[in-house]
Amino acid sequence: MGTLQQFSMARGYTLSRIKQAGEHAWDAQPEGFSNTVRWNVGHIYTFTEDFLNRAMNEYPVDKPEWAEFFAPGTSPSTWPSIPPSEEELVAAMKDQGKRISQLTEQQLAHRLSTPLSIGKLLTMETVEEVLQLLTWHEGLHAGLMDGLLKVTK
């Protein structure tokens, strides 16, 4: 299975989790969880935008103002104002998925002028390697959302 197919499968799974979330579940933060469904959805979105922009100069960050809500280290308890709505987040996730699915093999194979690293654990040298990380990252947060939904039922 190719990288774009894996990303598409992960995004489909995430969207199916979101669809199952009732209105009450979006902002519930049960004991033992550091964030909410809304935060996880927004975090997946903004993290993906940021990393693709760093990997591809021609990939513009959509909704950069959302970073103040969903960047690593943020939390609903410290949000500066009202976060994006469920509808805005779902529409953004779907649009982002479409934009990513249109990446070409040539774009995926593009070598980064400066490799991206996550600590000493991982260095990514191509756009495809970045997208593989983003697919893993999305699956991780989709799993957290699945747990949140089970606890808040």
C-alpha atoms as a PDB file:
ATOM      1  CA  MET A   1       0.000   0.000   0.000  1.00  0.00           C
ATOM      2  CA  GLY A   2       1.408   3.385  -0.982  1.00  0.00           C
ATOM      3  CA  THR A   3       1.909   6.336   1.306  1.00  0.00           C
ATOM      4  CA  LEU A   4      -1.047   8.285  -0.101  1.00  0.00           C
ATOM      5  CA  GLN A   5      -3.315   5.259   0.362  1.00  0.00           C
ATOM      6  CA  GLN A   6      -2.153   4.843   3.951  1.00  0.00           C
ATOM      7  CA  PHE A   7      -2.785   8.527   4.640  1.00  0.00           C
ATOM      8  CA  SER A   8      -6.236   8.271   3.070  1.00  0.00           C
ATOM      9  CA  MET A   9      -7.045   5.230   5.212  1.00  0.00           C
ATOM     10  CA  ALA A  10      -5.925   7.043   8.381  1.00  0.00           C
ATOM     11  CA  ARG A  11      -7.923  10.152   7.480  1.00  0.00           C
ATOM     12  CA  GLY A  12     -11.002   8.035   6.760  1.00  0.00           C
ATOM     13  CA  TYR A  13     -10.652   6.393  10.177  1.00  0.00           C
ATOM     14  CA  THR A  14     -10.288   9.780  11.872  1.00  0.00           C
ATOM     15  CA  LEU A  15     -13.357  11.147  10.106  1.00  0.00           C
ATOM     16  CA  SER A  16     -15.355   8.069  11.123  1.00  0.00           C
ATOM     17  CA  ARG A  17     -14.380   8.642  14.784  1.00  0.00           C
ATOM     18  CA  ILE A  18     -15.401  12.283  14.491  1.00  0.00           C
ATOM     19  CA  LYS A  19     -18.747  11.297  12.991  1.00  0.00           C
ATOM     20  CA  GLN A  20     -19.435   9.112  16.040  1.00  0.00           C
ATOM     21  CA  ALA A  21     -18.770  11.968  18.454  1.00  0.00           C
ATOM     22  CA  GLY A  22     -21.962  13.418  19.826  1.00  0.00           C
ATOM     23  CA  GLU A  23     -22.041  17.122  20.615  1.00  0.00           C
ATOM     24  CA  HIS A  24     -21.336  16.409  24.309  1.00  0.00           C
ATOM     25  CA  ALA A  25     -18.177  14.440  23.466  1.00  0.00           C
ATOM     26  CA  TRP A  26     -16.325  17.189  21.577  1.00  0.00           C
ATOM     27  CA  ASP A  27     -15.310  19.082  24.687  1.00  0.00           C
ATOM     28  CA  ALA A  28     -15.441  16.394  27.370  1.00  0.00           C
ATOM     29  CA  GLN A  29     -12.115  15.879  29.109  1.00  0.00           C
ATOM     30  CA  PRO A  30     -12.364  12.827  31.347  1.00  0.00           C
ATOM     31  CA  GLU A  31      -9.884  12.228  34.142  1.00  0.00           C
ATOM     32  CA  GLY A  32      -6.674  10.769  32.788  1.00  0.00           C
ATOM     33  CA  PHE A  33      -6.939  12.523  29.393  1.00  0.00           C
ATOM     34  CA  SER A  34      -4.921  15.662  28.746  1.00  0.00           C
ATOM     35  CA  ASN A  35      -7.150  16.936  25.945  1.00  0.00           C
ATOM     36  CA  THR A  36     -10.495  16.586  24.164  1.00  0.00           C
ATOM     37  CA  VAL A  37     -11.839  15.314  20.842  1.00  0.00           C
ATOM     38  CA  ARG A  38     -11.933  18.922  19.563  1.00  0.00           C
ATOM     39  CA  TRP A  39      -8.295  19.444  20.553  1.00  0.00           C
ATOM     40  CA  ASN A  40      -7.159  16.178  18.914  1.00  0.00           C
ATOM     41  CA  VAL A  41      -8.949  16.983  15.637  1.00  0.00           C
ATOM     42  CA  GLY A  42      -7.501  20.480  15.533  1.00  0.00           C
ATOM     43  CA  HIS A  43      -4.071  19.215  16.508  1.00  0.00           C
ATOM     44  CA  ILE A  44      -4.011  16.639  13.701  1.00  0.00           C
ATOM     45  CA  TYR A  45      -5.021  19.363  11.258  1.00  0.00           C
ATOM     46  CA  THR A  46      -2.544  22.054  12.361  1.00  0.00           C
ATOM     47  CA  PHE A  47       0.373  19.644  12.857  1.00  0.00           C
ATOM     48  CA  THR A  48      -0.163  18.307   9.330  1.00  0.00           C
ATOM     49  CA  GLU A  49      -0.336  21.807   7.856  1.00  0.00           C
ATOM     50  CA  ASP A  50       2.841  22.852   9.667  1.00  0.00           C
ATOM     51  CA  PHE A  51       4.920  19.819   8.706  1.00  0.00           C
ATOM     52  CA  LEU A  52       3.829  19.815   5.058  1.00  0.00           C
ATOM     53  CA  ASN A  53       4.621  23.512   4.816  1.00  0.00           C
ATOM     54  CA  ARG A  54       8.088  22.875   6.252  1.00  0.00           C
ATOM     55  CA  ALA A  55       8.608  20.026   3.781  1.00  0.00           C
ATOM     56  CA  MET A  56       7.168  21.803   0.738  1.00  0.00           C
ATOM     57  CA  ASN A  57       7.552  25.551   0.366  1.00  0.00           C
ATOM     58  CA  GLU A  58       4.676  25.579  -2.117  1.00  0.00           C
ATOM     59  CA  TYR A  59       2.277  24.078   0.474  1.00  0.00           C
ATOM     60  CA  PRO A  60       0.642  27.092   2.142  1.00  0.00           C
ATOM     61  CA  VAL A  61      -0.588  26.706   5.727  1.00  0.00           C
ATOM     62  CA  ASP A  62      -4.360  27.006   5.794  1.00  0.00           C
ATOM     63  CA  LYS A  63      -5.846  28.472   8.968  1.00  0.00           C
ATOM     64  CA  PRO A  64      -2.543  29.419  10.672  1.00  0.00           C
ATOM     65  CA  GLU A  65      -4.559  31.188  13.381  1.00  0.00           C
ATOM     66  CA  TRP A  66      -5.655  27.783  14.700  1.00  0.00           C
ATOM     67  CA  ALA A  67      -2.130  27.026  15.968  1.00  0.00           C
ATOM     68  CA  GLU A  68      -2.807  28.993  19.170  1.00  0.00           C
ATOM     69  CA  PHE A  69      -5.474  26.407  20.044  1.00  0.00           C
ATOM     70  CA  PHE A  70      -3.916  23.164  18.812  1.00  0.00           C
ATOM     71  CA  ALA A  71      -0.102  23.389  18.761  1.00  0.00           C
ATOM     72  CA  PRO A  72       1.808  20.859  20.871  1.00  0.00           C
ATOM     73  CA  GLY A  73       1.637  21.873  24.521  1.00  0.00           C
ATOM     74  CA  THR A  74      -1.680  23.697  24.236  1.00  0.00           C
ATOM     75  CA  SER A  75      -4.773  22.657  26.140  1.00  0.00           C
ATOM     76  CA  PRO A  76      -8.450  23.607  26.148  1.00  0.00           C
ATOM     77  CA  SER A  77      -7.916  25.034  29.648  1.00  0.00           C
ATOM     78  CA  THR A  78      -5.581  27.688  28.214  1.00  0.00           C
ATOM     79  CA  TRP A  79      -7.400  28.593  24.994  1.00  0.00           C
ATOM     80  CA  PRO A  80      -7.330  32.365  24.431  1.00  0.00           C
ATOM     81  CA  SER A  81     -10.821  32.538  22.893  1.00  0.00           C
ATOM     82  CA  ILE A  82     -13.558  30.379  21.373  1.00  0.00           C
ATOM     83  CA  PRO A  83     -12.029  27.546  19.296  1.00  0.00           C
ATOM     84  CA  PRO A  84     -13.179  26.533  15.806  1.00  0.00           C
ATOM     85  CA  SER A  85     -16.550  24.783  15.638  1.00  0.00           C
ATOM     86  CA  GLU A  86     -17.053  21.104  14.898  1.00  0.00           C
ATOM     87  CA  GLU A  87     -18.287  22.028  11.420  1.00  0.00           C
ATOM     88  CA  GLU A  88     -15.216  24.156  10.694  1.00  0.00           C
ATOM     89  CA  LEU A  89     -12.868  21.420  11.882  1.00  0.00           C
ATOM     90  CA  VAL A  90     -14.581  18.650   9.895  1.00  0.00           C
ATOM     91  CA  ALA A  91     -14.652  20.772   6.724  1.00  0.00           C
ATOM     92  CA  ALA A  92     -10.963  21.647   7.162  1.00  0.00           C
ATOM     93  CA  MET A  93     -10.012  17.982   7.701  1.00  0.00           C
ATOM     94  CA  LYS A  94     -11.895  16.926   4.559  1.00  0.00           C
ATOM     95  CA  ASP A  95     -10.372  19.731   2.491  1.00  0.00           C
ATOM     96  CA  GLN A  96      -6.883  18.943   3.761  1.00  0.00           C
ATOM     97  CA  GLY A  97      -7.360  15.271   2.897  1.00  0.00           C
ATOM     98  CA  LYS A  98      -8.315  16.232  -0.663  1.00  0.00           C
ATOM     99  CA  ARG A  99      -5.292  18.521  -1.033  1.00  0.00           C
ATOM    100  CA  ILE A 100      -2.939  15.831   0.234  1.00  0.00           C
ATOM    101  CA  SER A 101      -4.467  13.144  -1.989  1.00  0.00           C
ATOM    102  CA  GLN A 102      -3.551  15.305  -5.002  1.00  0.00           C
ATOM    103  CA  LEU A 103       0.173  15.210  -4.263  1.00  0.00           C
ATOM    104  CA  THR A 104       2.080  13.694  -7.165  1.00  0.00           C
ATOM    105  CA  GLU A 105       4.762  11.012  -7.040  1.00  0.00           C
ATOM    106  CA  GLN A 106       7.249  13.718  -8.024  1.00  0.00           C
ATOM    107  CA  GLN A 107       6.186  15.888  -5.076  1.00  0.00           C
ATOM    108  CA  LEU A 108       6.385  12.924  -2.677  1.00  0.00           C
ATOM    109  CA  ALA A 109       9.887  12.074  -3.904  1.00  0.00           C
ATOM    110  CA  HIS A 110      11.099  15.669  -3.472  1.00  0.00           C
ATOM    111  CA  ARG A 111      14.175  15.835  -1.233  1.00  0.00           C
ATOM    112  CA  LEU A 112      13.978  18.465   1.479  1.00  0.00           C
ATOM    113  CA  SER A 113      16.644  21.167   1.319  1.00  0.00           C
ATOM    114  CA  THR A 114      17.012  20.757   5.077  1.00  0.00           C
ATOM    115  CA  PRO A 115      15.916  17.423   6.560  1.00  0.00           C
ATOM    116  CA  LEU A 116      13.277  17.573   9.309  1.00  0.00           C
ATOM    117  CA  SER A 117      14.140  15.871  12.562  1.00  0.00           C
ATOM    118  CA  ILE A 118      12.200  14.841  15.621  1.00  0.00           C
ATOM    119  CA  GLY A 119      14.817  14.745  18.312  1.00  0.00           C
ATOM    120  CA  LYS A 120      17.454  12.119  17.623  1.00  0.00           C
ATOM    121  CA  LEU A 121      14.825   9.497  16.838  1.00  0.00           C
ATOM    122  CA  LEU A 122      13.812  10.404  13.327  1.00  0.00           C
ATOM    123  CA  THR A 123      15.150  12.381  10.389  1.00  0.00           C
ATOM    124  CA  MET A 124      12.975  12.846   7.314  1.00  0.00           C
ATOM    125  CA  GLU A 125      14.608  13.680   3.994  1.00  0.00           C
ATOM    126  CA  THR A 126      11.669  13.518   1.542  1.00  0.00           C
ATOM    127  CA  VAL A 127       8.092  14.752   1.470  1.00  0.00           C
ATOM    128  CA  GLU A 128       6.980  11.117   1.427  1.00  0.00           C
ATOM    129  CA  GLU A 129       8.826  10.428   4.692  1.00  0.00           C
ATOM    130  CA  VAL A 130       7.123  13.464   6.238  1.00  0.00           C
ATOM    131  CA  LEU A 131       3.724  12.205   5.078  1.00  0.00           C
ATOM    132  CA  GLN A 132       4.477   8.796   6.586  1.00  0.00           C
ATOM    133  CA  LEU A 133       5.155  10.473   9.947  1.00  0.00           C
ATOM    134  CA  LEU A 134       1.948  12.485   9.610  1.00  0.00           C
ATOM    135  CA  THR A 135      -0.025   9.307   8.896  1.00  0.00           C
ATOM    136  CA  TRP A 136       1.388   7.668  12.034  1.00  0.00           C
ATOM    137  CA  HIS A 137       0.697  10.848  14.038  1.00  0.00           C
ATOM    138  CA  GLU A 138      -2.904  10.941  12.828  1.00  0.00           C
ATOM    139  CA  GLY A 139      -3.437   7.304  13.776  1.00  0.00           C
ATOM    140  CA  LEU A 140      -2.060   7.984  17.246  1.00  0.00           C
ATOM    141  CA  HIS A 141      -4.484  10.857  17.845  1.00  0.00           C
ATOM    142  CA  ALA A 142      -7.404   9.030  16.232  1.00  0.00           C
ATOM    143  CA  GLY A 143      -6.791   6.251  18.756  1.00  0.00           C
ATOM    144  CA  LEU A 144      -6.861   8.787  21.584  1.00  0.00           C
ATOM    145  CA  MET A 145     -10.172  10.104  20.247  1.00  0.00           C
ATOM    146  CA  ASP A 146     -11.515   6.549  20.124  1.00  0.00           C
ATOM    147  CA  GLY A 147     -10.633   6.181  23.815  1.00  0.00           C
ATOM    148  CA  LEU A 148     -12.222   9.523  24.657  1.00  0.00           C
ATOM    149  CA  LEU A 149     -15.424   8.500  22.859  1.00  0.00           C
ATOM    150  CA  LYS A 150     -15.600   5.215  24.752  1.00  0.00           C
ATOM    151  CA  VAL A 151     -15.147   6.931  28.105  1.00  0.00           C
ATOM    152  CA  THR A 152     -17.678   9.702  27.399  1.00  0.00           C
ATOM    153  CA  LYS A 153     -20.528   7.479  26.163  1.00  0.00           C
END
